[in-house]
Amino acid sequence: MVFSRSDEESCRTVGAVFVPQDNPALRLSTSIYFNRDWHQQAMGYVAHSRFATTLQIWDDTAQTALPAAPIAPGWNDGVGWFEAHGDHTEGEWIDADTHFPATGGHWYFIQAGFSASVDADSGIFGVADSTIHVSGWLSYLMLGIWS
C-alpha cells in the first residue's frame, strides 16, 4: 500500500472460509513480514496518518463479526504546525493469534486485514504532507484447536 498527500484510505485482506464442528476454543494464527515507511510533516497546516493490522473473524451464518484482534505494528498519529513524525522499519516478523468459540454448521470467514489512511491540508499559508508505504506478506494463516 502506498499513500501520499491528500485524503486517501485503503485496506487489503487475505482470508479463508470454513465450516467447523462445535468448538469452544478455536485459534487463528498468522506470521506476517513487514516493511514500513511513514512520514508526515506540517508547515502551517496539519496532517494525520493511521495504519492498523487485525485478525478478523466473521460468522456469516449469524451475520456477526467477532471482536478483531489488533496486531502491532499500528499507529494513529498526527502533526500540527511545524512538526514532523515518522518511522522506517525493514524486515520485521510479527506473530499473532486470537481465540474464539465456533458454532458447528456456521460458515466463518477468517482474515488478516490491513487498513491505512492519510489526511493532509495545504493552502496559501503552507503545506502538509502524509505518506505511508507498507509492504509485506503472510507466511501462513492457520486455524487450530486451542488447548
Foldseek 3Di string as FASTA:
>chain_A
DKDKFAWDKDKDKDKDKDADAWAAKKKKKWKKWKWKKKKKFAAQWKKWKWKWKWKWKAFVVVRDTDDIDTWPPIDTDMDGHGDMDIDGDHTDMTMDMDIGTHHGPTMMMIIIMMMMIMHWDQDPRTTMMIMMDMDIDIPDIDMGGDD
